[in-house]
Amino acid sequence: MIQPYGSEELEAELNRLQEVARQRRSVDRFARAAVEGFLWIVLTGVCAKLLWDSKRVPYAFYALVLLDVCLLFDAVRSVRRARLELREESDALRRLRELRARLGIDPPGARP
């Protein structure tokens, strides 16, 4: 059977892109950011309640505020990383669809 010129390179790229598309790391990062955001909201409420109910600020308040700031920082960092990874994954999926159409695996009009 006669293969088109460069099809081996295209198939190698197709295999690489399929592996990249399977990982979907951005989903894990978004989930981590959501959990951290929820914990940040709860811990902020605990800190506010401690501050409201106490005549003197308890020593544990400072540790909780530090933990609260760390949670907020890590949640924002996770969202930023997830958005970057999502953009990379979208580009990889777009290229994967192009390769599949070019190699004749998918018909040109088919969209998943």
Protein backbone atom coordinates (compact mmCIF):
# COMPACT_ATOMS: atom_id res chain seq x y z
CA MET A 1 0.00 0.00 0.00
CA ILE A 2 1.31 3.44 -0.88
CA GLN A 3 1.43 5.82 2.05
CA PRO A 4 1.38 9.58 1.62
CA TYR A 5 4.65 11.43 2.06
CA GLY A 6 5.33 12.24 5.70
CA SER A 7 2.58 10.07 7.14
CA GLU A 8 4.98 8.38 9.58
CA GLU A 9 5.83 11.75 11.11
CA LEU A 10 2.16 12.65 11.27
CA GLU A 11 1.32 9.36 12.98
CA ALA A 12 4.14 9.88 15.49
CA GLU A 13 2.78 13.35 16.26
CA LEU A 14 -0.73 11.90 16.48
CA ASN A 15 0.42 9.34 19.07
CA ARG A 16 2.21 12.04 21.09
CA LEU A 17 -0.83 14.32 21.02
CA GLN A 18 -3.14 11.49 22.08
CA GLU A 19 -0.99 10.95 25.17
CA VAL A 20 -1.04 14.67 25.96
CA ALA A 21 -4.82 14.82 25.49
CA ARG A 22 -5.40 11.93 27.90
CA GLN A 23 -3.72 13.59 30.87
CA ARG A 24 -6.05 16.63 31.32
CA ARG A 25 -4.09 18.10 34.24
CA SER A 26 -6.13 21.31 34.18
CA VAL A 27 -9.17 19.48 35.61
CA ASP A 28 -7.17 18.50 38.70
CA ARG A 29 -5.87 22.05 39.10
CA PHE A 30 -9.38 23.54 38.87
CA ALA A 31 -10.63 21.03 41.45
CA ARG A 32 -7.75 21.88 43.78
CA ALA A 33 -8.46 25.60 43.41
CA ALA A 34 -12.16 25.04 44.16
CA VAL A 35 -11.42 23.08 47.34
CA GLU A 36 -8.87 25.65 48.49
CA GLY A 37 -11.28 28.49 47.74
CA PHE A 38 -13.98 26.82 49.80
CA LEU A 39 -11.58 26.24 52.70
CA TRP A 40 -10.43 29.85 52.42
CA ILE A 41 -14.02 31.08 52.78
CA VAL A 42 -14.65 28.84 55.80
CA LEU A 43 -11.38 29.84 57.48
CA THR A 44 -12.07 33.52 56.84
CA GLY A 45 -15.38 33.09 58.62
CA VAL A 46 -13.66 31.40 61.55
CA CYS A 47 -11.12 34.24 61.77
CA ALA A 48 -13.87 36.87 61.61
CA LYS A 49 -15.84 35.10 64.34
CA LEU A 50 -12.73 34.87 66.53
CA LEU A 51 -12.06 38.56 66.07
CA TRP A 52 -15.70 39.57 66.67
CA ASP A 53 -16.21 37.50 69.82
CA SER A 54 -12.87 38.14 71.53
CA LYS A 55 -11.98 41.15 73.63
CA ARG A 56 -8.31 40.43 73.01
CA VAL A 57 -7.08 38.85 69.83
CA PRO A 58 -6.13 35.22 70.59
CA TYR A 59 -2.71 33.97 69.54
CA ALA A 60 -4.29 31.26 67.39
CA PHE A 61 -5.85 34.04 65.27
CA TYR A 62 -2.48 34.95 63.76
CA ALA A 63 -1.72 31.36 62.79
CA LEU A 64 -5.18 31.02 61.23
CA VAL A 65 -4.75 34.27 59.29
CA LEU A 66 -1.39 33.04 57.98
CA LEU A 67 -2.99 29.76 56.90
CA ASP A 68 -5.86 31.70 55.34
CA VAL A 69 -3.51 33.86 53.28
CA CYS A 70 -1.55 30.78 52.16
CA LEU A 71 -4.77 29.08 51.05
CA LEU A 72 -5.85 32.13 49.08
CA PHE A 73 -2.43 32.46 47.43
CA ASP A 74 -2.32 28.79 46.46
CA ALA A 75 -5.91 28.85 45.15
CA VAL A 76 -5.14 31.83 42.90
CA ARG A 77 -1.92 30.18 41.73
CA SER A 78 -3.78 26.93 40.96
CA VAL A 79 -6.40 28.77 38.91
CA ARG A 80 -3.73 30.58 36.90
CA ARG A 81 -1.87 27.33 36.21
CA ALA A 82 -5.10 25.55 35.31
CA ARG A 83 -6.05 28.25 32.82
CA LEU A 84 -2.62 28.01 31.19
CA GLU A 85 -2.81 24.22 31.02
CA LEU A 86 -6.36 24.40 29.65
CA ARG A 87 -5.16 26.67 26.85
CA GLU A 88 -2.34 24.22 26.05
CA GLU A 89 -4.75 21.28 26.13
CA SER A 90 -7.16 23.08 23.80
CA ASP A 91 -4.36 23.75 21.33
CA ALA A 92 -3.27 20.11 21.50
CA LEU A 93 -6.85 18.90 20.92
CA ARG A 94 -7.26 21.25 17.96
CA ARG A 95 -4.04 19.94 16.42
CA LEU A 96 -5.14 16.36 17.15
CA ARG A 97 -8.40 16.90 15.25
CA GLU A 98 -6.46 18.39 12.33
CA LEU A 99 -4.12 15.40 12.21
CA ARG A 100 -6.96 12.90 12.40
CA ALA A 101 -8.73 14.63 9.50
CA ARG A 102 -5.50 14.84 7.50
CA LEU A 103 -4.71 11.17 8.00
CA GLY A 104 -8.25 10.21 7.01
CA ILE A 105 -9.22 8.80 10.41
CA ASP A 106 -12.14 11.19 10.80
CA PRO A 107 -14.29 12.44 7.94
CA PRO A 108 -13.82 16.16 7.30
CA GLY A 109 -17.33 17.12 8.45
CA ALA A 110 -17.27 15.11 11.70
CA ARG A 111 -16.94 17.05 14.95
CA PRO A 112 -16.67 15.31 18.32
